[in-house]
Amino acid sequence: MTRDRQQPDTREHILATGEELIHGRSFTALGLTELLSEAGVPKGSFYHYFKSKEDFGVAMLMRYFSGYRERVGSLLTDEQVGNGRERLLAYFQQWLDNHARCEAQSCLAVKLAAEVSDLSEPMRVALDEGMLAIVQRLAACIRAGQADGSIKPQLPPDDTAYALYSLWLGAALMYKTQHSLQPLQAAMIHTQGLLQPCNAA
């Protein structure tokens, strides 16, 4: 009984340690010896939970997106934040604020997208599925905004959500190369313009 309760904790600990280490380096540069040493677990424990480093990478991405979807879902459906438009703008403002506080490393998707998409098909699929799930939540919030009258009904929800998420991913990548908030600030201006309230001229 005790062993069964501990097993998920060990797996979670390995995943959390790996994510923390990857923030300071690339996925390919992360060595298994370093990961196990930092996590304080034997090699056998790693291979008990993960068939390979690639399998570990897929699990890490699934864990990241699961937590991210929960946080995003809470924000985008919280009517106390405001109407649909206000919730969407709050989401993107949070994205901008995280970078302004130098917390951009928390976005594992941005960090790994360019690196692993051509190296690992399973990890590319995990990234794609995770990102599309976020787009779907943005689209649902756009529909909610159209229903409450805060977003113009002419906007196609799915296409708009896809375009906005793509815009912000690109801005986040430019932030990494420029070390400047300007790309994200420009993305926010464009987002505000695209999501003009229904009563705007």
N, C-alpha and C. Protein backbone atom coordinates (compact mmCIF):
# COMPACT_ATOMS: atom_id res chain seq x y z
N MET A 1 0.82 -1.21 0.00
CA MET A 1 0.00 0.00 0.00
C MET A 1 0.86 1.26 0.00
N THR A 2 1.86 1.30 0.88
CA THR A 2 2.73 2.47 0.94
C THR A 2 3.48 2.66 -0.36
N ARG A 3 3.97 1.56 -0.92
CA ARG A 3 4.73 1.65 -2.16
C ARG A 3 3.88 2.18 -3.30
N ASP A 4 2.60 1.75 -3.36
CA ASP A 4 1.72 2.20 -4.43
C ASP A 4 1.46 3.70 -4.33
N ARG A 5 1.35 4.22 -3.10
CA ARG A 5 1.10 5.65 -2.95
C ARG A 5 2.35 6.46 -3.31
N GLN A 6 3.52 5.88 -3.09
CA GLN A 6 4.75 6.62 -3.34
C GLN A 6 5.10 6.68 -4.82
N GLN A 7 4.70 5.66 -5.60
CA GLN A 7 5.11 5.58 -6.99
C GLN A 7 4.72 6.81 -7.80
N PRO A 8 3.46 7.27 -7.76
CA PRO A 8 3.12 8.48 -8.52
C PRO A 8 3.93 9.69 -8.08
N ASP A 9 4.27 9.74 -6.76
CA ASP A 9 5.05 10.86 -6.26
C ASP A 9 6.45 10.86 -6.85
N THR A 10 7.05 9.69 -7.00
CA THR A 10 8.38 9.58 -7.59
C THR A 10 8.35 10.01 -9.05
N ARG A 11 7.35 9.56 -9.78
CA ARG A 11 7.22 9.96 -11.18
C ARG A 11 7.05 11.47 -11.30
N GLU A 12 6.18 12.04 -10.48
CA GLU A 12 5.94 13.48 -10.49
C GLU A 12 7.22 14.23 -10.13
N HIS A 13 7.97 13.71 -9.17
CA HIS A 13 9.21 14.37 -8.75
C HIS A 13 10.23 14.38 -9.89
N ILE A 14 10.34 13.29 -10.61
CA ILE A 14 11.27 13.23 -11.75
C ILE A 14 10.85 14.22 -12.83
N LEU A 15 9.56 14.28 -13.12
CA LEU A 15 9.06 15.21 -14.14
C LEU A 15 9.28 16.66 -13.73
N ALA A 16 8.96 16.98 -12.49
CA ALA A 16 9.13 18.35 -12.01
C ALA A 16 10.60 18.76 -12.01
N THR A 17 11.47 17.84 -11.62
CA THR A 17 12.90 18.13 -11.62
C THR A 17 13.40 18.35 -13.04
N GLY A 18 12.95 17.51 -13.96
CA GLY A 18 13.37 17.66 -15.35
C GLY A 18 12.92 18.99 -15.94
N GLU A 19 11.70 19.40 -15.66
CA GLU A 19 11.21 20.67 -16.18
C GLU A 19 12.03 21.84 -15.64
N GLU A 20 12.34 21.77 -14.35
CA GLU A 20 13.14 22.84 -13.74
C GLU A 20 14.53 22.92 -14.37
N LEU A 21 15.14 21.76 -14.63
CA LEU A 21 16.48 21.75 -15.22
C LEU A 21 16.46 22.25 -16.66
N ILE A 22 15.42 21.91 -17.39
CA ILE A 22 15.35 22.30 -18.80
C ILE A 22 15.20 23.80 -18.96
N HIS A 23 14.65 24.46 -17.97
CA HIS A 23 14.54 25.92 -18.06
C HIS A 23 15.91 26.57 -18.23
N GLY A 24 16.94 25.94 -17.75
CA GLY A 24 18.27 26.53 -17.83
C GLY A 24 19.12 25.98 -18.96
N ARG A 25 18.56 25.06 -19.75
CA ARG A 25 19.32 24.48 -20.85
C ARG A 25 18.34 23.90 -21.86
N SER A 26 18.82 23.22 -22.87
CA SER A 26 17.94 22.60 -23.86
C SER A 26 17.58 21.19 -23.41
N PHE A 27 16.58 20.63 -24.06
CA PHE A 27 16.18 19.26 -23.75
C PHE A 27 17.29 18.29 -24.13
N THR A 28 17.89 18.50 -25.28
CA THR A 28 18.94 17.59 -25.72
C THR A 28 20.17 17.68 -24.82
N ALA A 29 20.41 18.84 -24.19
CA ALA A 29 21.58 19.00 -23.32
C ALA A 29 21.36 18.41 -21.93
N LEU A 30 20.13 18.08 -21.61
CA LEU A 30 19.84 17.50 -20.29
C LEU A 30 20.26 16.05 -20.29
N GLY A 31 21.23 15.72 -19.45
CA GLY A 31 21.69 14.35 -19.36
C GLY A 31 20.92 13.56 -18.32
N LEU A 32 20.78 12.26 -18.58
CA LEU A 32 20.04 11.41 -17.64
C LEU A 32 20.74 11.35 -16.29
N THR A 33 22.06 11.31 -16.30
CA THR A 33 22.81 11.25 -15.04
C THR A 33 22.54 12.50 -14.20
N GLU A 34 22.56 13.65 -14.86
CA GLU A 34 22.29 14.90 -14.15
C GLU A 34 20.88 14.91 -13.59
N LEU A 35 19.91 14.49 -14.38
CA LEU A 35 18.51 14.46 -13.94
C LEU A 35 18.34 13.57 -12.72
N LEU A 36 18.91 12.36 -12.78
CA LEU A 36 18.75 11.42 -11.68
C LEU A 36 19.47 11.89 -10.43
N SER A 37 20.64 12.52 -10.62
CA SER A 37 21.37 13.04 -9.48
C SER A 37 20.59 14.16 -8.80
N GLU A 38 20.05 15.06 -9.60
CA GLU A 38 19.29 16.19 -9.05
C GLU A 38 18.01 15.72 -8.38
N ALA A 39 17.37 14.70 -8.97
CA ALA A 39 16.12 14.18 -8.42
C ALA A 39 16.36 13.25 -7.23
N GLY A 40 17.58 12.72 -7.14
CA GLY A 40 17.90 11.81 -6.04
C GLY A 40 17.24 10.46 -6.17
N VAL A 41 17.12 9.96 -7.41
CA VAL A 41 16.51 8.65 -7.63
C VAL A 41 17.45 7.79 -8.47
N PRO A 42 17.39 6.48 -8.33
CA PRO A 42 18.25 5.60 -9.11
C PRO A 42 17.76 5.45 -10.55
N LYS A 43 18.67 4.99 -11.39
CA LYS A 43 18.33 4.84 -12.81
C LYS A 43 17.15 3.89 -13.00
N GLY A 44 17.08 2.86 -12.15
CA GLY A 44 15.97 1.92 -12.28
C GLY A 44 14.61 2.57 -12.09
N SER A 45 14.55 3.58 -11.24
CA SER A 45 13.28 4.29 -11.03
C SER A 45 12.87 5.03 -12.29
N PHE A 46 13.85 5.63 -12.98
CA PHE A 46 13.53 6.35 -14.21
C PHE A 46 12.92 5.39 -15.22
N TYR A 47 13.58 4.26 -15.47
CA TYR A 47 13.10 3.34 -16.50
C TYR A 47 11.87 2.55 -16.05
N HIS A 48 11.54 2.63 -14.77
CA HIS A 48 10.28 2.05 -14.32
C HIS A 48 9.10 2.87 -14.84
N TYR A 49 9.29 4.17 -14.95
CA TYR A 49 8.22 5.08 -15.36
C TYR A 49 8.30 5.49 -16.82
N PHE A 50 9.50 5.53 -17.38
CA PHE A 50 9.69 6.03 -18.74
C PHE A 50 10.55 5.06 -19.54
N LYS A 51 10.09 4.74 -20.74
CA LYS A 51 10.82 3.80 -21.57
C LYS A 51 12.12 4.39 -22.11
N SER A 52 12.16 5.71 -22.25
CA SER A 52 13.31 6.38 -22.84
C SER A 52 13.28 7.86 -22.46
N LYS A 53 14.32 8.58 -22.81
CA LYS A 53 14.32 10.01 -22.58
C LYS A 53 13.22 10.68 -23.39
N GLU A 54 12.97 10.18 -24.59
CA GLU A 54 11.89 10.73 -25.42
C GLU A 54 10.54 10.53 -24.75
N ASP A 55 10.33 9.34 -24.19
CA ASP A 55 9.08 9.06 -23.48
C ASP A 55 8.93 9.99 -22.27
N PHE A 56 10.04 10.24 -21.59
CA PHE A 56 10.05 11.21 -20.49
C PHE A 56 9.66 12.60 -20.99
N GLY A 57 10.19 13.00 -22.16
CA GLY A 57 9.87 14.31 -22.72
C GLY A 57 8.40 14.44 -23.04
N VAL A 58 7.80 13.39 -23.59
CA VAL A 58 6.37 13.41 -23.88
C VAL A 58 5.57 13.57 -22.59
N ALA A 59 5.94 12.79 -21.57
CA ALA A 59 5.23 12.86 -20.29
C ALA A 59 5.38 14.23 -19.65
N MET A 60 6.55 14.83 -19.78
CA MET A 60 6.78 16.15 -19.21
C MET A 60 5.90 17.20 -19.89
N LEU A 61 5.79 17.11 -21.22
CA LEU A 61 4.95 18.05 -21.95
C LEU A 61 3.47 17.85 -21.60
N MET A 62 3.04 16.61 -21.49
CA MET A 62 1.65 16.34 -21.12
C MET A 62 1.35 16.89 -19.73
N ARG A 63 2.29 16.73 -18.81
CA ARG A 63 2.12 17.28 -17.46
C ARG A 63 2.04 18.79 -17.50
N TYR A 64 2.92 19.41 -18.28
CA TYR A 64 2.93 20.88 -18.38
C TYR A 64 1.60 21.39 -18.94
N PHE A 65 1.15 20.81 -20.04
CA PHE A 65 -0.08 21.30 -20.67
C PHE A 65 -1.31 21.02 -19.80
N SER A 66 -1.29 19.93 -19.06
CA SER A 66 -2.41 19.64 -18.17
C SER A 66 -2.56 20.75 -17.13
N GLY A 67 -1.45 21.13 -16.52
CA GLY A 67 -1.50 22.21 -15.54
C GLY A 67 -1.84 23.55 -16.16
N TYR A 68 -1.29 23.78 -17.35
CA TYR A 68 -1.54 25.06 -18.03
C TYR A 68 -3.00 25.18 -18.43
N ARG A 69 -3.57 24.09 -18.96
CA ARG A 69 -4.98 24.13 -19.34
C ARG A 69 -5.87 24.41 -18.15
N GLU A 70 -5.51 23.86 -17.01
CA GLU A 70 -6.31 24.10 -15.80
C GLU A 70 -6.26 25.57 -15.41
N ARG A 71 -5.06 26.17 -15.47
CA ARG A 71 -4.93 27.58 -15.11
C ARG A 71 -5.65 28.47 -16.12
N VAL A 72 -5.46 28.15 -17.40
CA VAL A 72 -6.10 28.94 -18.46
C VAL A 72 -7.62 28.80 -18.37
N GLY A 73 -8.08 27.56 -18.16
CA GLY A 73 -9.51 27.34 -18.07
C GLY A 73 -10.14 28.11 -16.93
N SER A 74 -9.44 28.19 -15.80
CA SER A 74 -9.98 28.93 -14.67
C SER A 74 -10.10 30.41 -14.99
N LEU A 75 -9.10 30.97 -15.65
CA LEU A 75 -9.12 32.39 -15.99
C LEU A 75 -10.17 32.70 -17.05
N LEU A 76 -10.21 31.89 -18.09
CA LEU A 76 -11.09 32.19 -19.23
C LEU A 76 -12.56 31.92 -18.95
N THR A 77 -12.86 31.22 -17.87
CA THR A 77 -14.26 30.95 -17.53
C THR A 77 -14.71 31.68 -16.27
N ASP A 78 -13.82 32.45 -15.66
CA ASP A 78 -14.14 33.14 -14.41
C ASP A 78 -14.88 34.44 -14.72
N GLU A 79 -16.18 34.42 -14.54
CA GLU A 79 -16.99 35.60 -14.87
C GLU A 79 -16.72 36.77 -13.93
N GLN A 80 -16.07 36.50 -12.79
CA GLN A 80 -15.71 37.59 -11.90
C GLN A 80 -14.62 38.47 -12.52
N VAL A 81 -13.85 37.90 -13.46
CA VAL A 81 -12.83 38.68 -14.17
C VAL A 81 -13.48 39.69 -15.10
N GLY A 82 -14.64 39.33 -15.63
CA GLY A 82 -15.36 40.22 -16.53
C GLY A 82 -16.06 39.44 -17.62
N ASN A 83 -16.42 40.15 -18.68
CA ASN A 83 -17.09 39.48 -19.80
C ASN A 83 -16.06 38.71 -20.63
N GLY A 84 -16.54 38.08 -21.70
CA GLY A 84 -15.64 37.26 -22.51
C GLY A 84 -14.44 38.02 -23.04
N ARG A 85 -14.65 39.21 -23.56
CA ARG A 85 -13.55 40.02 -24.07
C ARG A 85 -12.56 40.35 -22.97
N GLU A 86 -13.05 40.74 -21.82
CA GLU A 86 -12.17 41.11 -20.71
C GLU A 86 -11.36 39.91 -20.21
N ARG A 87 -11.97 38.73 -20.24
CA ARG A 87 -11.24 37.53 -19.81
C ARG A 87 -10.12 37.18 -20.81
N LEU A 88 -10.40 37.33 -22.08
CA LEU A 88 -9.37 37.09 -23.09
C LEU A 88 -8.21 38.07 -22.94
N LEU A 89 -8.52 39.34 -22.78
CA LEU A 89 -7.48 40.34 -22.63
C LEU A 89 -6.70 40.11 -21.33
N ALA A 90 -7.37 39.65 -20.29
CA ALA A 90 -6.68 39.35 -19.03
C ALA A 90 -5.69 38.20 -19.23
N TYR A 91 -6.07 37.21 -20.04
CA TYR A 91 -5.17 36.08 -20.33
C TYR A 91 -3.91 36.57 -21.03
N PHE A 92 -4.08 37.37 -22.06
CA PHE A 92 -2.90 37.85 -22.79
C PHE A 92 -2.11 38.87 -21.98
N GLN A 93 -2.77 39.65 -21.16
CA GLN A 93 -2.04 40.57 -20.27
C GLN A 93 -1.20 39.78 -19.27
N GLN A 94 -1.71 38.66 -18.81
CA GLN A 94 -0.95 37.81 -17.89
C GLN A 94 0.28 37.26 -18.60
N TRP A 95 0.14 36.90 -19.86
CA TRP A 95 1.27 36.43 -20.66
C TRP A 95 2.33 37.52 -20.71
N LEU A 96 1.92 38.74 -21.00
CA LEU A 96 2.85 39.87 -21.07
C LEU A 96 3.48 40.14 -19.71
N ASP A 97 2.67 40.13 -18.66
CA ASP A 97 3.18 40.40 -17.32
C ASP A 97 4.20 39.36 -16.87
N ASN A 98 3.98 38.10 -17.23
CA ASN A 98 4.93 37.06 -16.86
C ASN A 98 6.30 37.32 -17.47
N HIS A 99 6.32 37.77 -18.71
CA HIS A 99 7.59 38.10 -19.34
C HIS A 99 8.22 39.34 -18.70
N ALA A 100 7.38 40.30 -18.36
CA ALA A 100 7.90 41.52 -17.73
C ALA A 100 8.55 41.21 -16.38
N ARG A 101 8.05 40.15 -15.70
CA ARG A 101 8.63 39.74 -14.42
C ARG A 101 9.73 38.71 -14.60
N CYS A 102 10.15 38.52 -15.88
CA CYS A 102 11.22 37.55 -16.19
C CYS A 102 10.80 36.14 -15.82
N GLU A 103 9.52 35.83 -16.01
CA GLU A 103 9.04 34.48 -15.74
C GLU A 103 8.72 33.74 -17.03
N ALA A 104 9.34 34.21 -18.14
CA ALA A 104 9.04 33.59 -19.42
C ALA A 104 9.49 32.13 -19.48
N GLN A 105 10.48 31.76 -18.60
CA GLN A 105 10.95 30.39 -18.61
C GLN A 105 9.85 29.41 -18.24
N SER A 106 8.74 29.91 -17.64
CA SER A 106 7.65 29.03 -17.26
C SER A 106 6.94 28.44 -18.47
N CYS A 107 7.13 29.03 -19.65
CA CYS A 107 6.45 28.55 -20.85
C CYS A 107 7.32 27.49 -21.52
N LEU A 108 7.13 26.26 -21.09
CA LEU A 108 7.90 25.15 -21.63
C LEU A 108 7.61 24.95 -23.11
N ALA A 109 6.38 25.23 -23.53
CA ALA A 109 6.00 25.01 -24.92
C ALA A 109 6.83 25.88 -25.86
N VAL A 110 6.99 27.15 -25.50
CA VAL A 110 7.77 28.06 -26.35
C VAL A 110 9.22 27.61 -26.40
N LYS A 111 9.76 27.18 -25.27
CA LYS A 111 11.16 26.80 -25.19
C LYS A 111 11.46 25.57 -26.04
N LEU A 112 10.54 24.59 -26.02
CA LEU A 112 10.82 23.32 -26.67
C LEU A 112 10.30 23.20 -28.09
N ALA A 113 9.37 24.07 -28.48
CA ALA A 113 8.72 23.91 -29.78
C ALA A 113 9.73 23.87 -30.92
N ALA A 114 10.63 24.84 -30.97
CA ALA A 114 11.59 24.90 -32.06
C ALA A 114 12.64 23.80 -31.96
N GLU A 115 12.96 23.40 -30.72
CA GLU A 115 14.05 22.44 -30.54
C GLU A 115 13.66 21.02 -30.90
N VAL A 116 12.53 20.55 -30.39
CA VAL A 116 12.25 19.12 -30.49
C VAL A 116 11.32 18.74 -31.64
N SER A 117 10.67 19.71 -32.27
CA SER A 117 9.67 19.36 -33.28
C SER A 117 10.26 18.58 -34.45
N ASP A 118 11.51 18.86 -34.79
CA ASP A 118 12.16 18.14 -35.89
C ASP A 118 12.96 16.94 -35.40
N LEU A 119 13.09 16.77 -34.09
CA LEU A 119 13.90 15.69 -33.55
C LEU A 119 13.07 14.52 -33.04
N SER A 120 11.87 14.81 -32.57
CA SER A 120 11.04 13.76 -31.96
C SER A 120 9.60 13.93 -32.39
N GLU A 121 9.10 12.96 -33.14
CA GLU A 121 7.72 13.00 -33.58
C GLU A 121 6.74 12.88 -32.42
N PRO A 122 6.98 11.99 -31.45
CA PRO A 122 6.06 11.92 -30.31
C PRO A 122 6.01 13.22 -29.51
N MET A 123 7.14 13.89 -29.34
CA MET A 123 7.14 15.15 -28.61
C MET A 123 6.48 16.24 -29.44
N ARG A 124 6.67 16.21 -30.75
CA ARG A 124 5.99 17.19 -31.62
C ARG A 124 4.48 17.02 -31.51
N VAL A 125 4.02 15.78 -31.51
CA VAL A 125 2.58 15.53 -31.39
C VAL A 125 2.05 16.02 -30.04
N ALA A 126 2.82 15.78 -28.97
CA ALA A 126 2.40 16.24 -27.65
C ALA A 126 2.30 17.76 -27.61
N LEU A 127 3.26 18.45 -28.24
CA LEU A 127 3.21 19.91 -28.33
C LEU A 127 2.00 20.36 -29.13
N ASP A 128 1.78 19.72 -30.27
CA ASP A 128 0.67 20.11 -31.14
C ASP A 128 -0.66 19.93 -30.44
N GLU A 129 -0.85 18.79 -29.80
CA GLU A 129 -2.12 18.52 -29.12
C GLU A 129 -2.31 19.48 -27.95
N GLY A 130 -1.24 19.76 -27.22
CA GLY A 130 -1.35 20.68 -26.09
C GLY A 130 -1.70 22.09 -26.53
N MET A 131 -1.05 22.55 -27.59
CA MET A 131 -1.31 23.90 -28.09
C MET A 131 -2.72 24.01 -28.67
N LEU A 132 -3.15 22.99 -29.40
CA LEU A 132 -4.50 23.03 -29.98
C LEU A 132 -5.57 23.04 -28.88
N ALA A 133 -5.30 22.39 -27.77
CA ALA A 133 -6.26 22.41 -26.66
C ALA A 133 -6.39 23.81 -26.08
N ILE A 134 -5.28 24.55 -26.04
CA ILE A 134 -5.33 25.94 -25.57
C ILE A 134 -6.12 26.79 -26.57
N VAL A 135 -5.87 26.59 -27.85
CA VAL A 135 -6.61 27.33 -28.88
C VAL A 135 -8.11 27.08 -28.73
N GLN A 136 -8.49 25.85 -28.44
CA GLN A 136 -9.91 25.53 -28.27
C GLN A 136 -10.51 26.28 -27.08
N ARG A 137 -9.74 26.45 -26.03
CA ARG A 137 -10.24 27.20 -24.87
C ARG A 137 -10.38 28.68 -25.19
N LEU A 138 -9.45 29.19 -25.97
CA LEU A 138 -9.56 30.59 -26.40
C LEU A 138 -10.79 30.77 -27.29
N ALA A 139 -11.02 29.81 -28.19
CA ALA A 139 -12.18 29.89 -29.07
C ALA A 139 -13.48 29.85 -28.26
N ALA A 140 -13.50 29.01 -27.22
CA ALA A 140 -14.70 28.94 -26.38
C ALA A 140 -14.96 30.27 -25.68
N CYS A 141 -13.88 30.94 -25.27
CA CYS A 141 -14.04 32.23 -24.61
C CYS A 141 -14.52 33.29 -25.60
N ILE A 142 -14.05 33.20 -26.84
CA ILE A 142 -14.53 34.12 -27.87
C ILE A 142 -16.03 33.92 -28.09
N ARG A 143 -16.45 32.68 -28.14
CA ARG A 143 -17.89 32.40 -28.30
C ARG A 143 -18.68 32.94 -27.11
N ALA A 144 -18.11 32.80 -25.92
CA ALA A 144 -18.79 33.33 -24.73
C ALA A 144 -18.89 34.85 -24.82
N GLY A 145 -17.85 35.49 -25.33
CA GLY A 145 -17.87 36.93 -25.50
C GLY A 145 -18.89 37.38 -26.54
N GLN A 146 -19.04 36.59 -27.58
CA GLN A 146 -20.06 36.91 -28.58
C GLN A 146 -21.46 36.72 -27.99
N ALA A 147 -21.59 35.72 -27.14
CA ALA A 147 -22.90 35.49 -26.52
C ALA A 147 -23.26 36.59 -25.54
N ASP A 148 -22.26 37.13 -24.83
CA ASP A 148 -22.57 38.19 -23.86
C ASP A 148 -22.50 39.59 -24.48
N GLY A 149 -22.19 39.65 -25.77
CA GLY A 149 -22.20 40.92 -26.49
C GLY A 149 -20.93 41.73 -26.38
N SER A 150 -19.86 41.16 -25.84
CA SER A 150 -18.63 41.93 -25.68
C SER A 150 -17.67 41.76 -26.86
N ILE A 151 -17.90 40.77 -27.72
CA ILE A 151 -17.06 40.52 -28.89
C ILE A 151 -17.95 40.49 -30.12
N LYS A 152 -17.48 41.10 -31.17
CA LYS A 152 -18.28 41.21 -32.39
C LYS A 152 -18.60 39.83 -32.95
N PRO A 153 -19.85 39.61 -33.35
CA PRO A 153 -20.25 38.29 -33.85
C PRO A 153 -19.63 37.94 -35.20
N GLN A 154 -19.07 38.93 -35.90
CA GLN A 154 -18.48 38.66 -37.21
C GLN A 154 -17.18 37.86 -37.13
N LEU A 155 -16.54 37.88 -35.98
CA LEU A 155 -15.27 37.18 -35.84
C LEU A 155 -15.49 35.66 -35.80
N PRO A 156 -14.81 34.91 -36.67
CA PRO A 156 -14.91 33.44 -36.58
C PRO A 156 -14.11 32.95 -35.37
N PRO A 157 -14.74 32.35 -34.38
CA PRO A 157 -14.04 32.01 -33.13
C PRO A 157 -12.81 31.13 -33.30
N ASP A 158 -12.93 30.06 -34.06
CA ASP A 158 -11.81 29.13 -34.19
C ASP A 158 -10.62 29.78 -34.89
N ASP A 159 -10.88 30.44 -36.00
CA ASP A 159 -9.79 31.08 -36.75
C ASP A 159 -9.17 32.22 -35.95
N THR A 160 -10.00 32.97 -35.24
CA THR A 160 -9.48 34.09 -34.44
C THR A 160 -8.60 33.57 -33.30
N ALA A 161 -9.05 32.52 -32.63
CA ALA A 161 -8.27 31.94 -31.54
C ALA A 161 -6.93 31.41 -32.06
N TYR A 162 -6.97 30.75 -33.19
CA TYR A 162 -5.74 30.20 -33.78
C TYR A 162 -4.77 31.32 -34.15
N ALA A 163 -5.31 32.38 -34.74
CA ALA A 163 -4.46 33.51 -35.15
C ALA A 163 -3.86 34.21 -33.94
N LEU A 164 -4.65 34.40 -32.89
CA LEU A 164 -4.15 35.08 -31.69
C LEU A 164 -3.07 34.25 -31.00
N TYR A 165 -3.30 32.96 -30.86
CA TYR A 165 -2.30 32.13 -30.18
C TYR A 165 -1.01 32.08 -31.00
N SER A 166 -1.14 31.99 -32.31
CA SER A 166 0.04 32.00 -33.18
C SER A 166 0.79 33.32 -33.06
N LEU A 167 0.05 34.42 -33.01
CA LEU A 167 0.66 35.74 -32.85
C LEU A 167 1.48 35.80 -31.57
N TRP A 168 0.93 35.32 -30.47
CA TRP A 168 1.61 35.42 -29.19
C TRP A 168 2.77 34.44 -29.07
N LEU A 169 2.65 33.28 -29.69
CA LEU A 169 3.80 32.36 -29.71
C LEU A 169 4.97 32.99 -30.46
N GLY A 170 4.66 33.60 -31.60
CA GLY A 170 5.71 34.28 -32.35
C GLY A 170 6.32 35.43 -31.57
N ALA A 171 5.48 36.18 -30.87
CA ALA A 171 5.99 37.29 -30.07
C ALA A 171 6.88 36.78 -28.93
N ALA A 172 6.50 35.65 -28.35
CA ALA A 172 7.30 35.08 -27.27
C ALA A 172 8.66 34.62 -27.78
N LEU A 173 8.70 34.07 -28.98
CA LEU A 173 9.98 33.67 -29.57
C LEU A 173 10.85 34.89 -29.87
N MET A 174 10.24 35.95 -30.37
CA MET A 174 11.00 37.18 -30.64
C MET A 174 11.50 37.80 -29.35
N TYR A 175 10.72 37.67 -28.27
CA TYR A 175 11.18 38.15 -26.97
C TYR A 175 12.46 37.44 -26.56
N LYS A 176 12.54 36.13 -26.83
CA LYS A 176 13.72 35.37 -26.45
C LYS A 176 14.95 35.83 -27.23
N THR A 177 14.77 36.22 -28.48
CA THR A 177 15.93 36.65 -29.28
C THR A 177 16.29 38.11 -29.03
N GLN A 178 15.30 38.94 -28.74
CA GLN A 178 15.54 40.37 -28.57
C GLN A 178 15.74 40.79 -27.12
N HIS A 179 15.27 39.95 -26.18
CA HIS A 179 15.28 40.34 -24.76
C HIS A 179 14.61 41.69 -24.58
N SER A 180 13.47 41.81 -25.25
CA SER A 180 12.70 43.05 -25.21
C SER A 180 11.22 42.70 -25.16
N LEU A 181 10.45 43.51 -24.44
CA LEU A 181 9.01 43.31 -24.37
C LEU A 181 8.27 43.85 -25.59
N GLN A 182 8.97 44.52 -26.48
CA GLN A 182 8.31 45.17 -27.61
C GLN A 182 7.46 44.20 -28.44
N PRO A 183 7.95 42.99 -28.78
CA PRO A 183 7.09 42.09 -29.56
C PRO A 183 5.79 41.74 -28.85
N LEU A 184 5.85 41.57 -27.53
CA LEU A 184 4.65 41.23 -26.78
C LEU A 184 3.73 42.43 -26.62
N GLN A 185 4.31 43.59 -26.46
CA GLN A 185 3.50 44.80 -26.38
C GLN A 185 2.79 45.06 -27.71
N ALA A 186 3.49 44.80 -28.81
CA ALA A 186 2.87 44.95 -30.13
C ALA A 186 1.75 43.93 -30.31
N ALA A 187 1.98 42.70 -29.81
CA ALA A 187 0.94 41.67 -29.89
C ALA A 187 -0.29 42.09 -29.11
N MET A 188 -0.10 42.73 -27.97
CA MET A 188 -1.23 43.17 -27.16
C MET A 188 -2.02 44.26 -27.88
N ILE A 189 -1.33 45.20 -28.49
CA ILE A 189 -2.02 46.25 -29.24
C ILE A 189 -2.84 45.64 -30.37
N HIS A 190 -2.26 44.68 -31.08
CA HIS A 190 -2.98 44.03 -32.17
C HIS A 190 -4.18 43.24 -31.63
N THR A 191 -3.98 42.58 -30.51
CA THR A 191 -5.06 41.79 -29.90
C THR A 191 -6.22 42.69 -29.49
N GLN A 192 -5.89 43.82 -28.87
CA GLN A 192 -6.94 44.75 -28.45
C GLN A 192 -7.70 45.29 -29.65
N GLY A 193 -6.98 45.52 -30.75
CA GLY A 193 -7.64 46.01 -31.95
C GLY A 193 -8.55 44.95 -32.57
N LEU A 194 -8.08 43.71 -32.57
CA LEU A 194 -8.89 42.65 -33.15
C LEU A 194 -10.14 42.37 -32.31
N LEU A 195 -9.97 42.52 -31.00
CA LEU A 195 -11.10 42.24 -30.09
C LEU A 195 -11.79 43.53 -29.66
N GLN A 196 -11.95 44.43 -30.58
CA GLN A 196 -12.65 45.66 -30.26
C GLN A 196 -14.06 45.36 -29.77
N PRO A 197 -14.52 46.09 -28.75
CA PRO A 197 -15.86 45.82 -28.23
C PRO A 197 -16.93 46.11 -29.28
N CYS A 198 -18.07 45.52 -29.09
CA CYS A 198 -19.15 45.66 -30.08
C CYS A 198 -19.59 47.11 -30.27
N ASN A 199 -19.45 47.93 -29.24
CA ASN A 199 -19.90 49.32 -29.36
C ASN A 199 -18.84 50.25 -29.93
N ALA A 200 -17.68 49.65 -30.36
CA ALA A 200 -16.62 50.48 -30.95
C ALA A 200 -17.05 50.93 -32.34
N ALA A 201 -16.55 52.08 -32.70
CA ALA A 201 -16.93 52.62 -34.01
C ALA A 201 -16.35 51.77 -35.12
